[in-house]
Amino acid sequence: MTVTGQMLIGQQATLGTHGHIHGLNAATGQVLQPAFGGAAPADLERACALAQAAFEPYRLLPLEQRAAFLESIASQILELGDELIERCLLETGLPRARLEGERGRTVGQLRLFAAVVRKGGFLGVRIDPAQPGRQPLPRVDLRLRQIGLGPVAVFGASNFPLAFSVAGGDTASALAAGCPVIVKAHSAHPGTSELVAQAIARAARQQGMPEGVFSLLFDSGRDIGQGLVADSRIKAVGF
C-alpha cells in the first residue's frame, strides 16, 4: 500500500486542510514525504457522527462477525509485509527485530480478543428466572449483560508504534467490546499509522462493518485531540 498523507474518516480517505505534519527519519532528522494534512473541526465532527451512528449496528452484530473482523485486521496488517516495517524503521529508529516482534504482539492481541469475543463470557450474562407465584407480588425475570459504552477515542503512543497505537491493545479491546474507534495518530510515526489504518479499513470493508466503526485523524496541533476528549459522543479515551 502507498502512504498518501490522508486521514481515514469512516471509509473515506481525505487530505486534511488544517496545517500539516511530516514524519522524520529518526536516524538523520530528514523530513519524510508525504506531508500529512491535519484534521479540521469539520473532519472531527464527521468522524464523531459516523462513530455514533455505527455504535448500535456494530454492537448488535453477532459475536462471530465481530471476532472475524478482529482476525481480518490481524491478517491485513500481516499482508502489509515489509512495507510496514520499513516505514516504521524510518520513523522510529527502533531495531528491526523489535518492530517485527511488536508486529507479532499486535497481531496476537487482535487474535486473542477475537477468541474472547467468540466465547462470550465477557458479556457477563445473568438471568434470574421469573417467580410468578411469589408473594405478596409475582416477579418478572431479571436479565443482566455487559454492553459497550459507545465510541472510543484512542491516542497513539510514541514509543510503541504498533502494539499501543492505531491497532494496538486499546483499539482491539474497544472493537472487541462493540465500540467504534477514532484514533488520533501520533505525530512521530504518521506513515506507520496510515498504513495500519488502511489495513483496518480493508478489513472493515471485507467484513461488512458499519462505515463509522473506525476513523484515523491527524492533528497539526492540539485542537483535534482536545476536541475528541471533550466531545459528548466519545464515551472513553485510551492513551
Protein backbone atom coordinates (compact mmCIF):
# COMPACT_ATOMS: atom_id res chain seq x y z
CA MET A 1 0.00 0.00 0.00
CA THR A 2 1.06 3.59 -0.59
CA VAL A 3 1.48 6.18 2.12
CA THR A 4 -0.60 9.13 0.90
CA GLY A 5 -0.75 11.58 3.80
CA GLN A 6 -4.50 11.17 4.04
CA MET A 7 -6.73 10.55 7.03
CA LEU A 8 -9.50 7.97 7.07
CA ILE A 9 -12.92 9.15 8.13
CA GLY A 10 -15.03 6.04 8.02
CA GLN A 11 -14.21 4.56 4.62
CA GLN A 12 -13.30 7.90 3.04
CA ALA A 13 -9.65 8.83 2.61
CA THR A 14 -9.31 12.59 2.82
CA LEU A 15 -6.42 15.04 2.95
CA GLY A 16 -6.60 17.28 5.97
CA THR A 17 -6.53 21.03 5.39
CA HIS A 18 -5.76 22.31 8.90
CA GLY A 19 -1.98 22.60 8.79
CA HIS A 20 0.27 19.61 8.23
CA ILE A 21 2.87 17.38 9.86
CA HIS A 22 5.77 15.33 8.48
CA GLY A 23 7.36 12.15 9.65
CA LEU A 24 11.09 12.42 10.29
CA ASN A 25 13.86 9.95 9.63
CA ALA A 26 14.78 9.13 13.22
CA ALA A 27 18.42 8.43 12.31
CA THR A 28 19.11 11.54 10.22
CA GLY A 29 16.37 14.04 11.02
CA GLN A 30 15.48 14.21 7.31
CA VAL A 31 11.89 15.14 6.56
CA LEU A 32 9.95 12.21 5.12
CA GLN A 33 7.33 12.54 2.43
CA PRO A 34 4.43 12.96 2.08
CA ALA A 35 3.03 15.70 4.30
CA PHE A 36 0.06 14.65 6.43
CA GLY A 37 -2.79 17.12 6.50
CA GLY A 38 -4.20 17.95 9.91
CA ALA A 39 -7.89 17.44 10.57
CA ALA A 40 -10.21 20.45 10.67
CA PRO A 41 -13.16 20.77 13.06
CA ALA A 42 -15.49 19.55 10.31
CA ASP A 43 -13.43 16.36 9.98
CA LEU A 44 -13.69 15.75 13.72
CA GLU A 45 -17.44 16.32 13.60
CA ARG A 46 -17.89 13.86 10.74
CA ALA A 47 -15.76 11.18 12.42
CA CYS A 48 -17.72 11.50 15.67
CA ALA A 49 -21.07 11.49 13.88
CA LEU A 50 -20.15 8.35 11.93
CA ALA A 51 -18.89 6.62 15.08
CA GLN A 52 -22.08 7.45 16.95
CA ALA A 53 -24.23 6.19 14.06
CA ALA A 54 -22.18 2.97 13.86
CA PHE A 55 -22.36 2.14 17.57
CA GLU A 56 -25.75 0.42 17.78
CA PRO A 57 -25.45 -1.53 14.49
CA TYR A 58 -21.93 -2.63 15.37
CA ARG A 59 -22.55 -3.75 18.94
CA LEU A 60 -25.64 -5.70 17.85
CA LEU A 61 -23.74 -7.76 15.27
CA PRO A 62 -23.37 -11.47 16.08
CA LEU A 63 -20.23 -12.12 18.11
CA GLU A 64 -18.84 -14.30 15.33
CA GLN A 65 -18.86 -11.31 12.95
CA ARG A 66 -17.12 -9.11 15.49
CA ALA A 67 -14.47 -11.79 16.06
CA ALA A 68 -13.97 -12.27 12.33
CA PHE A 69 -13.44 -8.52 11.95
CA LEU A 70 -10.65 -8.55 14.53
CA GLU A 71 -9.00 -11.53 12.87
CA SER A 72 -9.28 -9.83 9.48
CA ILE A 73 -7.49 -6.77 10.86
CA ALA A 74 -4.67 -9.02 12.04
CA SER A 75 -4.42 -10.65 8.62
CA GLN A 76 -4.43 -7.32 6.80
CA ILE A 77 -1.61 -6.00 8.99
CA LEU A 78 0.47 -9.05 8.11
CA GLU A 79 -0.39 -8.52 4.43
CA LEU A 80 1.40 -5.15 4.59
CA GLY A 81 4.59 -7.20 4.85
CA ASP A 82 7.95 -5.46 4.90
CA GLU A 83 6.48 -2.15 3.75
CA LEU A 84 5.11 -1.56 7.24
CA ILE A 85 8.39 -2.49 8.94
CA GLU A 86 10.47 -0.33 6.59
CA ARG A 87 8.33 2.75 7.19
CA CYS A 88 8.35 2.12 10.91
CA LEU A 89 12.13 1.75 10.88
CA LEU A 90 12.48 5.15 9.23
CA GLU A 91 10.10 6.96 11.56
CA THR A 92 11.14 5.41 14.87
CA GLY A 93 14.75 4.26 14.56
CA LEU A 94 13.83 1.13 16.51
CA PRO A 95 15.65 -2.11 15.61
CA ARG A 96 14.03 -4.34 13.01
CA ALA A 97 13.81 -7.29 15.41
CA ARG A 98 11.99 -5.12 17.95
CA LEU A 99 9.48 -3.92 15.33
CA GLU A 100 8.87 -7.40 13.93
CA GLY A 101 8.29 -8.63 17.46
CA GLU A 102 5.93 -5.74 18.16
CA ARG A 103 4.00 -6.50 14.98
CA GLY A 104 3.62 -10.08 16.21
CA ARG A 105 2.35 -8.79 19.53
CA THR A 106 -0.13 -6.52 17.78
CA VAL A 107 -1.49 -9.36 15.67
CA GLY A 108 -1.56 -11.65 18.69
CA GLN A 109 -3.59 -9.14 20.70
CA LEU A 110 -6.19 -8.89 17.97
CA ARG A 111 -6.50 -12.66 17.69
CA LEU A 112 -6.68 -13.04 21.46
CA PHE A 113 -9.56 -10.58 21.68
CA ALA A 114 -11.28 -12.39 18.80
CA ALA A 115 -11.12 -15.62 20.81
CA VAL A 116 -12.53 -13.85 23.89
CA VAL A 117 -15.38 -12.41 21.83
CA ARG A 118 -16.29 -15.83 20.44
CA LYS A 119 -16.54 -17.34 23.92
CA GLY A 120 -18.92 -14.58 25.00
CA GLY A 121 -18.05 -14.77 28.68
CA PHE A 122 -17.08 -11.09 28.73
CA LEU A 123 -20.78 -10.24 28.39
CA GLY A 124 -21.34 -11.40 31.97
CA VAL A 125 -24.83 -12.65 31.13
CA ARG A 126 -27.05 -13.30 34.17
CA ILE A 127 -30.70 -14.41 34.17
CA ASP A 128 -32.79 -14.68 37.32
CA PRO A 129 -35.91 -16.70 36.39
CA ALA A 130 -39.35 -15.22 36.95
CA GLN A 131 -41.21 -16.11 40.13
CA PRO A 132 -44.89 -15.91 39.15
CA GLY A 133 -46.03 -17.43 42.45
CA ARG A 134 -44.04 -15.12 44.69
CA GLN A 135 -45.96 -13.41 47.49
CA PRO A 136 -47.09 -10.76 48.01
CA LEU A 137 -46.38 -9.99 44.32
CA PRO A 138 -45.02 -12.06 41.42
CA ARG A 139 -41.63 -11.14 39.97
CA VAL A 140 -40.65 -10.98 36.31
CA ASP A 141 -37.36 -12.46 35.17
CA LEU A 142 -34.33 -10.19 35.62
CA ARG A 143 -31.61 -10.07 32.97
CA LEU A 144 -28.12 -8.53 33.02
CA ARG A 145 -25.31 -8.29 30.50
CA GLN A 146 -22.38 -6.02 29.74
CA ILE A 147 -22.55 -3.77 26.67
CA GLY A 148 -20.09 -1.32 25.15
CA LEU A 149 -20.18 2.28 26.33
CA GLY A 150 -20.10 3.87 22.89
CA PRO A 151 -17.45 5.41 20.60
CA VAL A 152 -13.90 5.39 21.98
CA ALA A 153 -11.01 7.75 21.19
CA VAL A 154 -7.51 6.26 21.12
CA PHE A 155 -4.27 8.27 21.17
CA GLY A 156 -1.29 6.57 19.58
CA ALA A 157 1.83 6.05 21.70
CA SER A 158 5.21 7.45 20.66
CA ASN A 159 7.27 4.53 21.99
CA PHE A 160 5.07 1.68 20.73
CA PRO A 161 4.21 2.50 17.10
CA LEU A 162 2.29 -0.76 16.60
CA ALA A 163 1.25 -2.52 19.82
CA PHE A 164 -0.11 0.61 21.54
CA SER A 165 -1.10 2.72 18.58
CA VAL A 166 -3.58 2.54 15.70
CA ALA A 167 -4.41 -1.18 16.02
CA GLY A 168 -2.95 -1.73 19.47
CA GLY A 169 -4.48 -3.05 22.65
CA ASP A 170 -6.78 -0.07 23.25
CA THR A 171 -8.26 -0.27 19.75
CA ALA A 172 -8.52 -4.07 19.83
CA SER A 173 -10.28 -4.13 23.22
CA ALA A 174 -12.70 -1.35 22.23
CA LEU A 175 -13.65 -3.07 18.98
CA ALA A 176 -13.98 -6.37 20.85
CA ALA A 177 -16.39 -4.73 23.31
CA GLY A 178 -18.56 -3.42 20.46
CA CYS A 179 -17.30 0.17 20.45
CA PRO A 180 -16.36 2.15 17.31
CA VAL A 181 -12.90 3.74 17.49
CA ILE A 182 -11.46 7.08 16.41
CA VAL A 183 -7.66 7.13 16.53
CA LYS A 184 -5.64 10.33 16.80
CA ALA A 185 -2.35 9.31 15.19
CA HIS A 186 0.91 10.13 16.94
CA SER A 187 2.91 12.72 15.03
CA ALA A 188 6.14 10.72 15.46
CA HIS A 189 5.04 7.96 13.08
CA PRO A 190 2.27 9.20 10.76
CA GLY A 191 3.18 6.95 7.84
CA THR A 192 3.13 3.85 10.02
CA SER A 193 -0.23 4.99 11.39
CA GLU A 194 -1.73 5.46 7.94
CA LEU A 195 -0.60 2.03 6.73
CA VAL A 196 -2.17 0.30 9.74
CA ALA A 197 -5.34 2.37 9.36
CA GLN A 198 -5.58 1.27 5.73
CA ALA A 199 -5.37 -2.34 6.91
CA ILE A 200 -8.24 -1.78 9.36
CA ALA A 201 -10.33 -0.08 6.68
CA ARG A 202 -9.82 -3.01 4.29
CA ALA A 203 -10.85 -5.45 6.99
CA ALA A 204 -13.94 -3.36 7.73
CA ARG A 205 -14.95 -3.42 4.06
CA GLN A 206 -14.35 -7.14 3.72
CA GLN A 207 -16.38 -7.94 6.83
CA GLY A 208 -19.25 -5.55 6.02
CA MET A 209 -18.79 -3.37 9.11
CA PRO A 210 -20.73 -0.11 9.59
CA GLU A 211 -18.83 2.76 7.99
CA GLY A 212 -18.07 4.65 11.18
CA VAL A 213 -16.59 1.68 13.05
CA PHE A 214 -13.09 3.16 12.59
CA SER A 215 -11.53 6.51 11.70
CA LEU A 216 -7.99 7.91 11.78
CA LEU A 217 -7.28 11.61 12.28
CA PHE A 218 -4.04 13.61 12.12
CA ASP A 219 -3.64 16.68 14.30
CA SER A 220 -1.28 19.52 13.40
CA GLY A 221 -1.67 20.99 16.90
CA ARG A 222 -3.79 20.12 19.92
CA ASP A 223 -7.26 21.15 18.80
CA ILE A 224 -8.36 17.77 17.45
CA GLY A 225 -7.06 15.81 20.43
CA GLN A 226 -8.77 18.19 22.84
CA GLY A 227 -11.93 18.13 20.74
CA LEU A 228 -12.06 14.35 20.81
CA VAL A 229 -11.80 14.22 24.58
CA ALA A 230 -14.41 16.96 25.02
CA ASP A 231 -16.98 15.58 22.56
CA SER A 232 -20.02 14.16 24.35
CA ARG A 233 -20.29 11.32 21.81
CA ILE A 234 -16.91 9.93 22.90
CA LYS A 235 -17.55 7.72 25.92
CA ALA A 236 -14.00 6.61 26.74
CA VAL A 237 -10.42 7.55 25.88
CA GLY A 238 -7.41 5.25 25.64
CA PHE A 239 -3.83 6.54 25.86
